[in-house]
Protein backbone atom coordinates (compact mmCIF):
# COMPACT_ATOMS: atom_id res chain seq x y z
CA MET A 1 38.05 -4.99 -32.68
CA ALA A 2 37.32 -2.06 -34.97
CA ILE A 3 38.90 -1.86 -38.40
CA ARG A 4 40.96 1.33 -38.66
CA LYS A 5 43.70 0.76 -41.24
CA LEU A 6 43.35 -0.88 -44.65
CA LEU A 7 46.26 -1.69 -46.93
CA LEU A 8 45.59 -1.85 -50.67
CA PRO A 9 48.52 -3.00 -52.83
CA LEU A 10 48.07 -1.80 -56.40
CA THR A 11 50.29 -3.21 -59.13
CA GLY A 12 48.14 -2.36 -62.16
CA THR A 13 44.93 -0.75 -63.28
CA ALA A 14 42.95 -3.65 -64.78
CA ALA A 15 41.52 -4.84 -61.45
CA GLY A 16 42.64 -1.86 -59.40
CA GLU A 17 39.50 0.25 -59.65
CA ALA A 18 37.22 -2.55 -58.39
CA ALA A 19 39.65 -3.06 -55.50
CA LEU A 20 39.64 0.68 -54.76
CA SER A 21 35.84 0.65 -54.70
CA THR A 22 35.85 -2.37 -52.38
CA ALA A 23 38.33 -0.61 -50.11
CA LEU A 24 36.22 2.56 -50.05
CA ILE A 25 33.06 0.67 -49.13
CA THR A 26 34.99 -1.02 -46.32
CA ALA A 27 36.57 2.23 -45.14
CA ARG A 28 33.19 3.96 -44.94
CA MET A 29 31.77 1.06 -42.94
CA TRP A 30 34.52 1.40 -40.34
CA ASN A 31 35.60 5.05 -40.70
CA ALA A 32 38.97 3.63 -41.66
CA HIS A 33 42.02 4.85 -43.56
CA VAL A 34 43.08 3.25 -46.86
CA THR A 35 46.78 3.22 -47.71
CA ALA A 36 47.13 2.49 -51.43
CA LEU A 37 50.61 1.03 -51.90
CA HIS A 38 52.38 0.69 -55.24
CA VAL A 39 55.64 -1.24 -55.33
CA ARG A 40 57.87 -0.32 -58.23
CA VAL A 41 60.20 -2.91 -59.69
CA ASP A 42 63.84 -2.18 -58.94
CA SER A 43 65.72 -2.17 -62.26
CA ARG A 44 68.85 -3.27 -60.41
CA ASP A 45 67.25 -6.70 -59.99
CA VAL A 46 68.25 -7.29 -63.61
CA ALA A 47 71.96 -7.03 -62.71
CA PRO A 48 72.36 -10.70 -61.59
CA LEU A 49 71.81 -11.66 -65.24
CA ALA A 50 75.45 -10.66 -65.81
CA GLY A 51 76.40 -14.20 -64.93
CA GLU A 52 74.12 -15.60 -67.62
CA GLY A 53 76.37 -14.71 -70.54
CA LEU A 54 74.80 -11.33 -71.32
CA SER A 55 77.01 -8.38 -72.19
CA GLY A 56 77.13 -5.23 -70.11
CA ALA A 57 75.40 -3.28 -72.89
CA MET A 58 72.54 -5.79 -73.06
CA ILE A 59 72.05 -5.69 -69.28
CA GLU A 60 72.10 -1.88 -69.29
CA GLU A 61 69.48 -1.88 -72.03
CA MET A 62 67.31 -4.30 -70.05
CA MET A 63 67.65 -2.17 -66.92
CA SER A 64 66.63 0.93 -68.87
CA ALA A 65 63.59 -0.84 -70.32
CA THR A 66 62.62 -2.15 -66.88
CA GLU A 67 62.91 1.32 -65.38
CA LYS A 68 60.74 2.86 -68.10
CA GLU A 69 58.07 0.18 -67.78
CA SER A 70 58.10 0.54 -64.00
CA SER A 71 57.80 4.32 -64.25
CA ASP A 72 54.93 4.14 -66.75
CA ARG A 73 53.05 1.68 -64.56
CA ALA A 74 53.59 3.79 -61.45
CA HIS A 75 52.24 6.90 -63.19
CA ALA A 76 49.19 4.99 -64.45
CA VAL A 77 48.41 3.59 -60.98
CA ARG A 78 48.83 7.00 -59.34
CA ALA A 79 46.59 8.64 -61.97
CA MET A 80 43.91 6.00 -61.34
CA PHE A 81 44.10 6.62 -57.59
CA ASP A 82 43.91 10.42 -57.96
CA ARG A 83 40.97 10.17 -60.34
CA PHE A 84 39.14 7.70 -58.10
CA VAL A 85 39.42 9.71 -54.87
CA ALA A 86 38.37 12.89 -56.70
CA GLU A 87 35.32 11.24 -58.29
CA HIS A 88 34.22 9.67 -54.99
CA ASP A 89 35.01 12.66 -52.80
CA VAL A 90 37.43 10.75 -50.58
CA PRO A 91 39.59 13.01 -48.39
CA VAL A 92 43.31 12.43 -48.92
CA ALA A 93 45.15 12.61 -45.60
CA GLU A 94 47.95 11.04 -43.63
CA PRO A 95 46.84 8.10 -41.44
CA ARG A 96 47.52 9.98 -38.20
CA HIS A 97 45.03 12.66 -39.30
CA SER A 98 42.32 10.14 -40.18
CA VAL A 99 39.95 9.89 -37.25
CA GLY A 100 36.19 9.57 -37.44
CA HIS A 101 35.78 9.31 -41.22
CA ALA A 102 37.06 7.41 -44.26
CA THR A 103 40.28 8.74 -45.75
CA ALA A 104 42.96 7.57 -48.17
CA SER A 105 46.61 8.11 -49.01
CA PHE A 106 49.01 6.88 -51.69
CA ALA A 107 52.53 5.56 -51.22
CA ALA A 108 55.05 4.36 -53.81
CA VAL A 109 58.12 2.35 -52.85
CA THR A 110 60.76 0.42 -54.79
CA GLY A 111 61.73 -3.17 -54.10
CA ARG A 112 60.38 -6.70 -54.02
CA GLU A 113 56.59 -6.56 -53.92
CA GLU A 114 56.08 -9.73 -51.92
CA ASP A 115 58.48 -8.60 -49.19
CA LEU A 116 57.27 -5.01 -48.85
CA VAL A 117 53.55 -5.78 -48.99
CA ALA A 118 53.83 -8.48 -46.31
CA GLN A 119 55.83 -6.14 -44.08
CA GLN A 120 53.35 -3.28 -44.44
CA ALA A 121 50.41 -5.64 -43.91
CA ARG A 122 51.64 -6.58 -40.44
CA LEU A 123 50.45 -3.19 -39.18
CA ALA A 124 47.18 -3.12 -41.12
CA ASP A 125 43.89 -4.43 -39.79
CA LEU A 126 43.02 -5.77 -43.23
CA THR A 127 44.76 -5.98 -46.59
CA ILE A 128 42.52 -5.73 -49.63
CA VAL A 129 44.00 -7.39 -52.70
CA PRO A 130 42.72 -6.90 -56.27
CA HIS A 131 41.35 -10.00 -57.91
CA PRO A 132 43.97 -11.75 -60.06
CA GLU A 133 43.95 -10.35 -63.58
CA ALA A 134 41.86 -12.15 -66.17
CA GLY A 135 43.82 -15.09 -67.51
CA GLU A 136 46.49 -14.87 -64.81
CA ASP A 137 47.36 -17.99 -62.86
CA VAL A 138 46.29 -17.26 -59.31
CA SER A 139 49.41 -19.01 -58.04
CA SER A 140 51.48 -16.08 -59.35
CA SER A 141 49.68 -13.45 -57.27
CA ASP A 142 52.68 -12.47 -55.16
CA ALA A 143 50.99 -9.83 -53.02
CA LEU A 144 48.12 -12.14 -52.08
CA HIS A 145 50.31 -15.02 -51.00
CA ALA A 146 52.77 -12.73 -49.25
CA VAL A 147 50.00 -11.40 -47.00
CA LEU A 148 48.52 -14.85 -46.41
CA PHE A 149 51.81 -16.51 -45.51
CA ASP A 150 53.96 -13.73 -44.05
CA SER A 151 51.79 -11.05 -42.42
CA GLY A 152 49.74 -12.84 -39.79
CA ARG A 153 46.78 -10.66 -40.83
CA PRO A 154 43.56 -11.25 -42.77
CA VAL A 155 43.33 -10.54 -46.48
CA LEU A 156 40.21 -9.58 -48.43
CA ILE A 157 40.20 -10.53 -52.10
CA ALA A 158 38.13 -8.00 -54.00
CA PRO A 159 35.80 -9.36 -56.70
CA HIS A 160 36.19 -8.53 -60.39
CA THR A 161 33.38 -5.98 -60.19
CA THR A 162 32.48 -3.55 -57.41
CA PRO A 163 30.12 -5.14 -54.88
CA GLU A 164 26.96 -3.24 -53.94
CA LYS A 165 27.55 -3.99 -50.27
CA ILE A 166 29.84 -6.03 -48.07
CA ALA A 167 29.25 -8.21 -45.00
CA THR A 168 25.51 -7.80 -44.51
CA ARG A 169 25.14 -11.56 -45.06
CA ILE A 170 28.24 -13.54 -44.14
CA CYS A 171 29.08 -17.15 -44.87
CA VAL A 172 31.78 -18.81 -42.78
CA ALA A 173 33.37 -21.90 -44.30
CA TRP A 174 34.29 -24.14 -41.37
CA ASN A 175 36.43 -27.29 -41.37
CA GLY A 176 37.88 -27.35 -37.84
CA THR A 177 41.42 -26.33 -38.80
CA ALA A 178 43.64 -23.65 -37.29
CA GLU A 179 43.30 -21.73 -40.55
CA SER A 180 39.50 -21.64 -40.34
CA ALA A 181 39.75 -20.62 -36.66
CA ALA A 182 41.95 -17.69 -37.70
CA ALA A 183 39.36 -16.77 -40.32
CA VAL A 184 36.62 -16.73 -37.69
CA LEU A 185 38.68 -14.42 -35.49
CA GLY A 186 39.36 -12.07 -38.39
CA ALA A 187 35.70 -11.98 -39.40
CA LEU A 188 34.30 -11.69 -35.87
CA PRO A 189 33.92 -7.87 -35.87
CA TRP A 190 32.09 -8.14 -39.18
CA MET A 191 29.80 -10.92 -37.93
CA GLN A 192 28.84 -8.82 -34.91
CA ARG A 193 27.48 -6.18 -37.32
CA ALA A 194 25.97 -8.46 -39.95
CA GLU A 195 22.27 -8.99 -40.58
CA ALA A 196 22.71 -12.76 -40.92
CA VAL A 197 25.53 -15.29 -40.57
CA ARG A 198 25.58 -18.85 -41.85
CA VAL A 199 28.26 -21.44 -41.05
CA ILE A 200 28.67 -23.93 -43.88
CA SER A 201 30.47 -27.25 -43.57
CA ALA A 202 30.78 -30.55 -45.39
CA GLU A 203 31.97 -34.04 -44.53
CA GLU A 204 34.44 -33.87 -47.41
CA TYR A 205 35.76 -30.50 -46.16
CA GLN A 206 36.03 -31.28 -42.44
CA ARG A 207 39.44 -31.98 -40.89
CA ARG A 208 40.35 -33.00 -37.36
CA GLY A 209 39.05 -30.39 -34.97
CA PRO A 210 35.86 -28.83 -33.62
CA ALA A 211 32.71 -29.26 -35.68
CA ALA A 212 30.30 -26.58 -36.87
CA PRO A 213 27.97 -26.85 -33.82
CA ASP A 214 30.96 -26.16 -31.57
CA LEU A 215 31.70 -23.02 -33.57
CA ALA A 216 28.08 -21.88 -33.24
CA GLU A 217 28.33 -22.26 -29.46
CA TYR A 218 31.57 -20.25 -29.41
CA LEU A 219 30.15 -17.44 -31.55
CA ALA A 220 27.07 -17.20 -29.34
CA LEU A 221 29.37 -16.16 -26.48
CA HIS A 222 30.40 -13.23 -28.67
CA GLY A 223 26.82 -12.20 -29.36
CA VAL A 224 26.68 -13.74 -32.85
CA THR A 225 23.73 -15.98 -33.66
CA VAL A 226 24.39 -18.23 -36.64
CA GLU A 227 22.51 -20.80 -38.64
CA LEU A 228 24.20 -24.02 -39.68
CA ALA A 229 24.08 -25.56 -43.13
CA THR A 230 25.90 -28.32 -44.95
CA PHE A 231 26.93 -28.42 -48.57
CA ARG A 232 27.98 -31.10 -51.02
CA PRO A 233 30.79 -31.04 -53.56
CA ILE A 234 29.82 -30.43 -57.17
CA ASP A 235 31.33 -33.03 -59.48
CA ARG A 236 33.64 -33.96 -56.57
CA ASP A 237 34.84 -30.35 -56.33
CA VAL A 238 34.53 -29.14 -52.73
CA GLY A 239 35.36 -25.55 -53.69
CA ALA A 240 32.56 -25.42 -56.24
CA GLY A 241 30.07 -26.74 -53.68
CA LEU A 242 31.29 -24.22 -51.11
CA LEU A 243 30.82 -21.26 -53.47
CA LYS A 244 27.35 -22.47 -54.49
CA ALA A 245 26.37 -22.64 -50.82
CA ALA A 246 27.55 -19.06 -50.33
CA TYR A 247 25.64 -17.84 -53.39
CA ASP A 248 22.49 -19.70 -52.30
CA PHE A 249 22.63 -17.80 -49.01
CA GLY A 250 22.99 -14.50 -50.85
CA ALA A 251 26.29 -13.89 -49.08
CA ASP A 252 28.18 -10.67 -49.71
CA LEU A 253 31.21 -11.91 -47.76
CA LEU A 254 32.77 -15.35 -47.48
CA ALA A 255 35.22 -15.96 -44.62
CA MET A 256 37.45 -19.02 -44.78
CA GLY A 257 40.85 -20.40 -43.93
CA ALA A 258 43.44 -20.71 -46.69
CA TYR A 259 45.72 -23.58 -47.61
CA SER A 260 44.87 -26.10 -44.91
CA HIS A 261 46.93 -28.43 -47.08
CA SER A 262 50.36 -27.23 -48.19
CA ARG A 263 50.42 -24.65 -50.95
CA LEU A 264 52.61 -26.95 -53.08
CA ARG A 265 50.02 -29.72 -52.91
CA GLN A 266 47.26 -27.28 -53.87
CA LEU A 267 49.27 -25.93 -56.82
CA ILE A 268 49.83 -29.45 -58.13
CA LEU A 269 46.51 -31.08 -57.34
CA GLY A 270 44.21 -28.10 -57.01
CA GLY A 271 42.25 -27.48 -53.85
CA VAL A 272 39.46 -25.56 -52.18
CA THR A 273 41.54 -22.41 -51.69
CA ARG A 274 42.67 -22.31 -55.29
CA HIS A 275 39.15 -22.91 -56.65
CA VAL A 276 37.70 -20.09 -54.55
CA LEU A 277 40.47 -17.68 -55.53
CA GLU A 278 39.94 -18.41 -59.21
CA HIS A 279 36.14 -18.46 -59.30
CA ALA A 280 34.64 -16.39 -56.45
CA LYS A 281 32.35 -13.56 -57.54
CA LEU A 282 31.95 -12.09 -54.06
CA PRO A 283 34.42 -10.59 -51.55
CA VAL A 284 36.39 -13.35 -49.82
CA MET A 285 38.23 -12.87 -46.53
CA MET A 286 41.01 -15.41 -46.00
CA ASN A 287 43.38 -16.19 -43.15
CA ARG A 288 46.17 -18.65 -42.74
């Protein structure tokens, strides 16, 4: 399946430009359209605080401050988008007019980010999410988890810095789960175009399900020749071993399933998904 529509939720500018660059590289690979989506906070969400003992004047002041902050952020994100597309000579057009070349458009809506991003992502071939801000707990990345859990579509986490290229050398992290199978399906069009594909697996990572050789046989039916490799945890950390294996291969895309264990368990105990989200320095495509 060709990639034709990319969704790029932008909530701030710190990691936004690297995500825009990642989206542009992807759009030019596939002659796709990028919809940059900014969700403004609704100041009316402050109103429920009325039951918390705050006076009407205090709530009105909080709503006014929220509205100003939301407006300032929206203007900053839009200015970044306008500057970026001008500097990189990206045509701005509506999606229906975007055929045969990379284009972009900007949309701003008001509401709950996690709800609106997940809804919009359901009709996007891929959602590209900026890397969590420096120092931010990855568990609080609402847009990322909304797409993973509520869209049914793949998500690409952009690295902190703009990659030189994407998906010429692909690593697929395989553990036999439904989540990793979904990741394979999402990455299949990319693997069919890649120069090299390596499937990496580990005894400590494997769950009940098909093994890596079974995946290689399946991919061969789709015209994808892969090499198989195993990795070992580093200091008992499976995620660290997985990333090292991807770096050793020189991968410029890692495809993997997300949250094979429950998200709550991963938030409390850590896990492979969390480690990769926090530490990956390459584009990572995840499915759940």
